[in-house]
Amino acid sequence: MLSDVTRGGLAALFGEDRLVTLPATAFPPPAADTEGARLLPTVGAPVGTLTLREPDALSGRLPLVRDVVHVTDFEDRDEARQETATWPVIGWLPTAHLAPTPSTADRRRAVARVARGEMSAQTVSDGGRVMEIAALVVSVLALAASAFVSLRQIRLTKHTNTLPVVVDLFREHRGLRLARAREVVFRQLPGWDLSTGMEGLPERERHLIRDLAWFYDNLGALVTHGVVDIEPVSGYLGGSVVSVWERMEPLVRVERAKRAQNNLPDPNRWQEYFENLYHLVKELPPPDARAQSRLWRLPQP
């Protein structure tokens, strides 16, 4: 119901700066008591859902249906065509002009014309059905447009919030410390005795490996819980996730076993998000993650 729509409600959903109004003087007298004529000057309509017509610069009035469309194309009854032609056009969707439903006074005049024999009751009935269908179609289109705008706004807000997180993570991954840690994992770790876990590693290298593991574990937590999307993570550093995990997995297993022997709670929690990130990247390999982007232009390897 239009009577349930308030400016505060629309402003909360779309933002005050996105609401536009029409002056009350833009409506011709026959449409002055329609719901649209009462609400559009005060409540307004959200930009992006529909576009409001600009009143004529000379008359200050809205154009009528007969001024913007050929009513003969959609109504074959002269009486209904004449009634429809006098409705003001308040705006349009991408493929449809919008005109407010006739007011109560208009409907009463139509009934009086039927009583005088100037219009058939069937014409009034057909016109009512047409308007009911048109109103339903417009409502569905407006709802779909509003849902699209709202979802896009939510997505843009999410990207705005997560962008600094992703940038910082990628910067840290490129840093000298983690680059040195990956070098240790690739070149030195396979040759060490891992039977005693982290304790058996040289102290300096142990700290590097620990920081690298916790980096991927923290990244895995963000991806697992939907804070960061898997696509850019896999596309940009998925190869490192896979190769580092496969070299560190024996060390992780030993550490988990030691925690279980010491009766520590949830011993498998150690690097669990890192392991889960590994499986997510295996499900969406880096080439596939990059190819899924609509802006990726390079061919698959």
Protein backbone atom coordinates (compact mmCIF):
# COMPACT_ATOMS: atom_id res chain seq x y z
CA MET A 1 0.00 0.00 0.00
CA LEU A 2 1.35 3.44 -0.92
CA SER A 3 -0.21 4.86 2.23
CA ASP A 4 2.25 2.78 4.26
CA VAL A 5 5.29 4.31 2.57
CA THR A 6 7.12 7.00 4.54
CA ARG A 7 10.07 9.18 3.63
CA GLY A 8 11.92 7.95 6.70
CA GLY A 9 11.44 4.34 5.60
CA LEU A 10 12.72 5.04 2.08
CA ALA A 11 15.62 7.11 3.44
CA ALA A 12 16.65 4.26 5.75
CA LEU A 13 16.71 1.84 2.81
CA PHE A 14 18.12 3.97 -0.01
CA GLY A 15 19.62 7.04 1.71
CA GLU A 16 18.19 10.56 2.02
CA ASP A 17 20.37 11.88 -0.81
CA ARG A 18 18.85 9.39 -3.28
CA LEU A 19 15.23 10.49 -2.83
CA VAL A 20 13.68 12.88 -5.35
CA THR A 21 10.25 14.56 -5.31
CA LEU A 22 7.79 16.20 -7.68
CA PRO A 23 6.02 19.50 -6.92
CA ALA A 24 2.31 19.18 -6.08
CA THR A 25 1.51 21.71 -8.82
CA ALA A 26 2.80 19.30 -11.44
CA PHE A 27 -0.33 17.14 -11.19
CA PRO A 28 -3.45 18.09 -13.17
CA PRO A 29 -6.64 18.56 -11.11
CA PRO A 30 -8.17 15.15 -12.00
CA ALA A 31 -5.13 13.42 -10.48
CA ALA A 32 -4.75 15.70 -7.46
CA ASP A 33 -6.29 13.23 -4.98
CA THR A 34 -4.46 10.10 -6.15
CA GLU A 35 -2.05 8.43 -3.76
CA GLY A 36 0.82 9.19 -6.10
CA ALA A 37 -0.03 12.91 -6.19
CA ARG A 38 -0.15 13.01 -2.39
CA LEU A 39 3.06 11.06 -1.76
CA LEU A 40 5.47 12.11 -4.51
CA PRO A 41 5.73 15.78 -3.38
CA THR A 42 6.55 14.80 0.22
CA VAL A 43 7.80 11.20 0.37
CA GLY A 44 9.44 11.06 -3.06
CA ALA A 45 10.90 8.09 -4.91
CA PRO A 46 14.40 6.52 -4.86
CA VAL A 47 16.73 7.28 -7.75
CA GLY A 48 17.70 4.08 -9.56
CA THR A 49 14.38 2.35 -8.89
CA LEU A 50 12.39 4.63 -11.20
CA THR A 51 12.98 7.95 -12.95
CA LEU A 52 10.54 10.79 -12.29
CA ARG A 53 9.33 12.95 -15.17
CA GLU A 54 10.28 16.61 -15.15
CA PRO A 55 7.26 18.96 -15.22
CA ASP A 56 6.92 21.05 -18.37
CA ALA A 57 9.03 24.20 -18.18
CA LEU A 58 6.17 26.45 -19.36
CA SER A 59 3.06 24.94 -17.76
CA GLY A 60 4.73 23.40 -14.71
CA ARG A 61 2.56 20.30 -15.24
CA LEU A 62 3.45 16.68 -15.88
CA PRO A 63 2.87 15.30 -19.38
CA LEU A 64 -0.23 13.16 -19.88
CA VAL A 65 -0.24 9.59 -21.14
CA ARG A 66 -1.46 10.76 -24.55
CA ASP A 67 1.61 13.03 -24.79
CA VAL A 68 4.20 10.26 -24.40
CA VAL A 69 2.62 7.04 -25.71
CA HIS A 70 0.10 5.99 -28.34
CA VAL A 71 -2.82 4.75 -26.26
CA THR A 72 -4.36 3.21 -29.38
CA ASP A 73 -1.63 0.59 -29.26
CA PHE A 74 -2.90 -0.99 -26.04
CA GLU A 75 -6.61 -0.16 -25.72
CA ASP A 76 -9.24 -0.77 -28.36
CA ARG A 77 -12.18 0.87 -26.57
CA ASP A 78 -12.67 4.58 -27.17
CA GLU A 79 -14.07 5.32 -23.72
CA ALA A 80 -11.21 3.64 -21.81
CA ARG A 81 -8.68 5.10 -24.22
CA GLN A 82 -9.92 8.62 -23.54
CA GLU A 83 -9.82 8.04 -19.77
CA THR A 84 -6.31 6.62 -19.86
CA ALA A 85 -5.01 9.38 -22.10
CA THR A 86 -5.67 12.02 -19.42
CA TRP A 87 -3.64 10.38 -16.65
CA PRO A 88 -0.39 12.21 -15.75
CA VAL A 89 2.87 10.36 -16.38
CA ILE A 90 4.86 10.52 -13.13
CA GLY A 91 7.93 8.62 -14.31
CA TRP A 92 9.20 5.51 -16.00
CA LEU A 93 11.05 2.27 -15.47
CA PRO A 94 13.57 1.19 -18.12
CA THR A 95 10.75 -0.06 -20.41
CA ALA A 96 7.55 1.38 -18.98
CA HIS A 97 5.92 4.74 -18.28
CA LEU A 98 4.13 5.08 -14.94
CA ALA A 99 0.75 6.78 -14.43
CA PRO A 100 -1.11 6.86 -11.09
CA THR A 101 -4.26 4.80 -10.72
CA PRO A 102 -7.45 6.89 -11.22
CA SER A 103 -8.68 8.53 -8.04
CA THR A 104 -11.88 7.65 -6.26
CA ALA A 105 -13.54 10.64 -7.92
CA ASP A 106 -12.49 9.33 -11.35
CA ARG A 107 -14.04 5.96 -10.58
CA ARG A 108 -17.24 7.60 -9.43
CA ARG A 109 -17.41 9.60 -12.65
CA ALA A 110 -16.97 6.38 -14.62
CA VAL A 111 -19.84 4.76 -12.72
CA ALA A 112 -22.02 7.81 -13.43
CA ARG A 113 -21.20 7.58 -17.13
CA VAL A 114 -22.28 3.95 -17.11
CA ALA A 115 -25.55 4.96 -15.46
CA ARG A 116 -26.15 7.58 -18.17
CA GLY A 117 -25.38 5.07 -20.90
CA GLU A 118 -22.26 6.92 -22.04
CA MET A 119 -19.94 4.01 -21.20
CA SER A 120 -20.47 0.28 -20.91
CA ALA A 121 -19.94 -1.50 -17.61
CA GLN A 122 -17.75 -3.97 -19.44
CA THR A 123 -15.41 -1.14 -20.45
CA VAL A 124 -15.05 -0.06 -16.83
CA SER A 125 -14.45 -3.64 -15.76
CA ASP A 126 -11.89 -4.22 -18.50
CA GLY A 127 -10.15 -0.97 -17.65
CA GLY A 128 -9.99 -1.97 -13.99
CA ARG A 129 -8.51 -5.35 -14.83
CA VAL A 130 -5.93 -3.73 -17.10
CA MET A 131 -4.93 -1.33 -14.33
CA GLU A 132 -4.74 -4.16 -11.78
CA ILE A 133 -2.41 -6.12 -14.04
CA ALA A 134 -0.37 -3.01 -14.83
CA ALA A 135 -0.08 -2.18 -11.14
CA LEU A 136 1.07 -5.72 -10.39
CA VAL A 137 3.68 -5.62 -13.15
CA VAL A 138 4.98 -2.23 -12.00
CA SER A 139 5.12 -3.42 -8.38
CA VAL A 140 7.11 -6.52 -9.35
CA LEU A 141 9.51 -4.48 -11.48
CA ALA A 142 9.96 -1.90 -8.74
CA LEU A 143 10.56 -4.63 -6.16
CA ALA A 144 13.13 -6.34 -8.41
CA ALA A 145 14.89 -3.03 -9.06
CA SER A 146 14.92 -2.18 -5.36
CA ALA A 147 16.29 -5.63 -4.49
CA PHE A 148 19.01 -5.30 -7.13
CA VAL A 149 20.04 -1.85 -5.88
CA SER A 150 20.03 -3.03 -2.26
CA LEU A 151 22.11 -6.14 -3.01
CA ARG A 152 24.59 -4.12 -5.03
CA GLN A 153 24.87 -1.61 -2.19
CA ILE A 154 25.52 -4.41 0.30
CA ARG A 155 28.18 -5.89 -1.95
CA LEU A 156 29.90 -2.54 -2.44
CA THR A 157 29.85 -1.97 1.32
CA LYS A 158 31.42 -5.38 1.91
CA HIS A 159 34.16 -4.69 -0.64
CA THR A 160 34.85 -1.32 0.95
CA ASN A 161 35.27 -2.95 4.36
CA THR A 162 37.41 -5.89 3.22
CA LEU A 163 39.66 -4.09 0.72
CA PRO A 164 42.10 -2.71 3.36
CA VAL A 165 42.32 -6.17 4.95
CA VAL A 166 43.15 -7.86 1.64
CA VAL A 167 45.68 -5.18 0.67
CA ASP A 168 47.48 -5.49 4.04
CA LEU A 169 47.56 -9.29 3.82
CA PHE A 170 49.00 -9.26 0.31
CA ARG A 171 51.57 -6.65 1.34
CA GLU A 172 52.65 -8.76 4.33
CA HIS A 173 52.92 -11.85 2.12
CA ARG A 174 55.26 -9.96 -0.23
CA GLY A 175 57.39 -8.68 2.68
CA LEU A 176 60.98 -9.73 3.18
CA ARG A 177 60.32 -11.73 6.36
CA LEU A 178 57.67 -14.04 4.90
CA ALA A 179 59.58 -14.28 1.63
CA ARG A 180 62.60 -15.50 3.62
CA ALA A 181 60.33 -17.89 5.55
CA ARG A 182 59.05 -19.46 2.31
CA GLU A 183 62.62 -19.88 1.14
CA VAL A 184 63.44 -21.77 4.36
CA VAL A 185 60.39 -24.02 3.92
CA PHE A 186 61.25 -24.84 0.32
CA ARG A 187 65.03 -25.29 0.61
CA GLN A 188 65.85 -26.31 4.18
CA LEU A 189 62.82 -27.83 5.88
CA PRO A 190 62.76 -31.08 3.81
CA GLY A 191 66.29 -31.90 5.00
CA TRP A 192 65.64 -31.51 8.74
CA ASP A 193 64.56 -34.10 11.27
CA LEU A 194 60.95 -33.22 12.10
CA SER A 195 60.35 -35.99 14.65
CA THR A 196 60.48 -33.54 17.56
CA GLY A 197 58.35 -30.91 15.88
CA MET A 198 59.07 -27.20 16.10
CA GLU A 199 61.50 -27.71 19.00
CA GLY A 200 63.95 -29.51 16.76
CA LEU A 201 64.31 -26.61 14.31
CA PRO A 202 67.04 -23.95 14.52
CA GLU A 203 65.75 -21.03 16.56
CA ARG A 204 65.90 -18.33 13.87
CA GLU A 205 64.30 -20.53 11.23
CA ARG A 206 61.75 -21.82 13.74
CA HIS A 207 60.43 -18.29 14.28
CA LEU A 208 60.23 -17.66 10.53
CA ILE A 209 58.33 -20.90 9.90
CA ARG A 210 55.99 -20.21 12.81
CA ASP A 211 55.15 -16.72 11.49
CA LEU A 212 54.52 -18.06 7.99
CA ALA A 213 52.24 -20.83 9.29
CA TRP A 214 50.25 -18.40 11.44
CA PHE A 215 49.90 -16.03 8.48
CA TYR A 216 48.24 -18.73 6.37
CA ASP A 217 46.19 -19.89 9.35
CA ASN A 218 44.85 -16.38 9.95
CA LEU A 219 44.16 -15.95 6.23
CA GLY A 220 42.32 -19.27 6.24
CA ALA A 221 40.12 -18.10 9.12
CA LEU A 222 39.13 -14.96 7.21
CA VAL A 223 38.29 -16.94 4.08
CA THR A 224 36.49 -19.74 5.93
CA HIS A 225 34.15 -17.30 7.68
CA GLY A 226 33.42 -15.23 4.59
CA VAL A 227 35.32 -12.10 5.58
CA VAL A 228 37.54 -12.40 2.51
CA ASP A 229 36.55 -14.12 -0.75
CA ILE A 230 38.47 -17.19 -1.83
CA GLU A 231 38.78 -16.03 -5.47
CA PRO A 232 41.38 -13.26 -5.03
CA VAL A 233 43.25 -15.26 -2.38
CA SER A 234 43.55 -18.34 -4.58
CA GLY A 235 44.18 -16.33 -7.73
CA TYR A 236 47.00 -14.28 -6.21
CA LEU A 237 48.77 -16.55 -3.71
CA GLY A 238 47.02 -19.92 -3.98
CA GLY A 239 50.16 -21.53 -5.38
CA SER A 240 52.12 -20.59 -2.26
CA VAL A 241 49.34 -21.89 0.00
CA VAL A 242 49.48 -25.31 -1.66
CA SER A 243 53.24 -25.67 -1.88
CA VAL A 244 53.92 -24.42 1.67
CA TRP A 245 51.24 -26.66 3.23
CA GLU A 246 52.47 -29.78 1.42
CA ARG A 247 56.00 -29.19 2.77
CA MET A 248 54.84 -28.23 6.27
CA GLU A 249 52.17 -30.92 6.71
CA PRO A 250 54.55 -33.50 8.30
CA LEU A 251 55.65 -30.86 10.82
CA VAL A 252 52.01 -29.94 11.57
CA ARG A 253 51.12 -33.61 12.19
CA VAL A 254 53.97 -33.98 14.67
CA GLU A 255 52.95 -30.80 16.52
CA ARG A 256 49.34 -31.95 16.77
CA ALA A 257 50.41 -35.33 18.13
CA LYS A 258 52.58 -33.64 20.79
CA ARG A 259 49.64 -31.46 21.85
CA ALA A 260 47.43 -34.53 22.14
CA GLN A 261 50.03 -36.30 24.30
CA ASN A 262 50.17 -33.25 26.58
CA ASN A 263 46.36 -33.29 26.92
CA LEU A 264 46.02 -29.83 25.43
CA PRO A 265 42.44 -28.97 24.43
CA ASP A 266 41.56 -29.36 20.74
CA PRO A 267 45.04 -30.46 19.62
CA ASN A 268 44.02 -30.57 15.95
CA ARG A 269 43.23 -26.87 16.08
CA TRP A 270 46.88 -26.05 15.43
CA GLN A 271 47.02 -24.77 11.81
CA GLU A 272 43.51 -26.12 11.13
CA TYR A 273 42.47 -23.01 9.21
CA PHE A 274 45.66 -23.26 7.17
CA GLU A 275 44.76 -26.84 6.28
CA ASN A 276 41.22 -25.82 5.37
CA LEU A 277 42.55 -23.00 3.19
CA TYR A 278 44.71 -25.57 1.40
CA HIS A 279 41.62 -27.65 0.55
CA LEU A 280 39.68 -24.58 -0.57
CA VAL A 281 42.47 -23.63 -2.94
CA LYS A 282 42.64 -27.21 -4.26
CA GLU A 283 38.90 -26.97 -5.00
CA LEU A 284 39.39 -23.64 -6.79
CA PRO A 285 42.92 -23.67 -8.24
CA PRO A 286 44.58 -20.33 -9.00
CA PRO A 287 44.05 -20.52 -12.81
CA ASP A 288 40.34 -21.22 -12.33
CA ALA A 289 39.99 -18.46 -9.74
CA ARG A 290 41.52 -15.94 -12.13
CA ALA A 291 39.51 -17.17 -15.10
CA GLN A 292 36.24 -16.71 -13.17
CA SER A 293 36.79 -12.96 -13.04
CA ARG A 294 34.90 -11.17 -15.81
CA LEU A 295 37.91 -8.87 -16.24
CA TRP A 296 40.48 -11.65 -16.77
CA ARG A 297 41.67 -11.66 -20.39
CA LEU A 298 44.68 -14.01 -20.43
CA PRO A 299 44.23 -17.59 -21.70
CA GLN A 300 44.33 -20.57 -19.35
CA PRO A 301 47.83 -22.12 -19.09
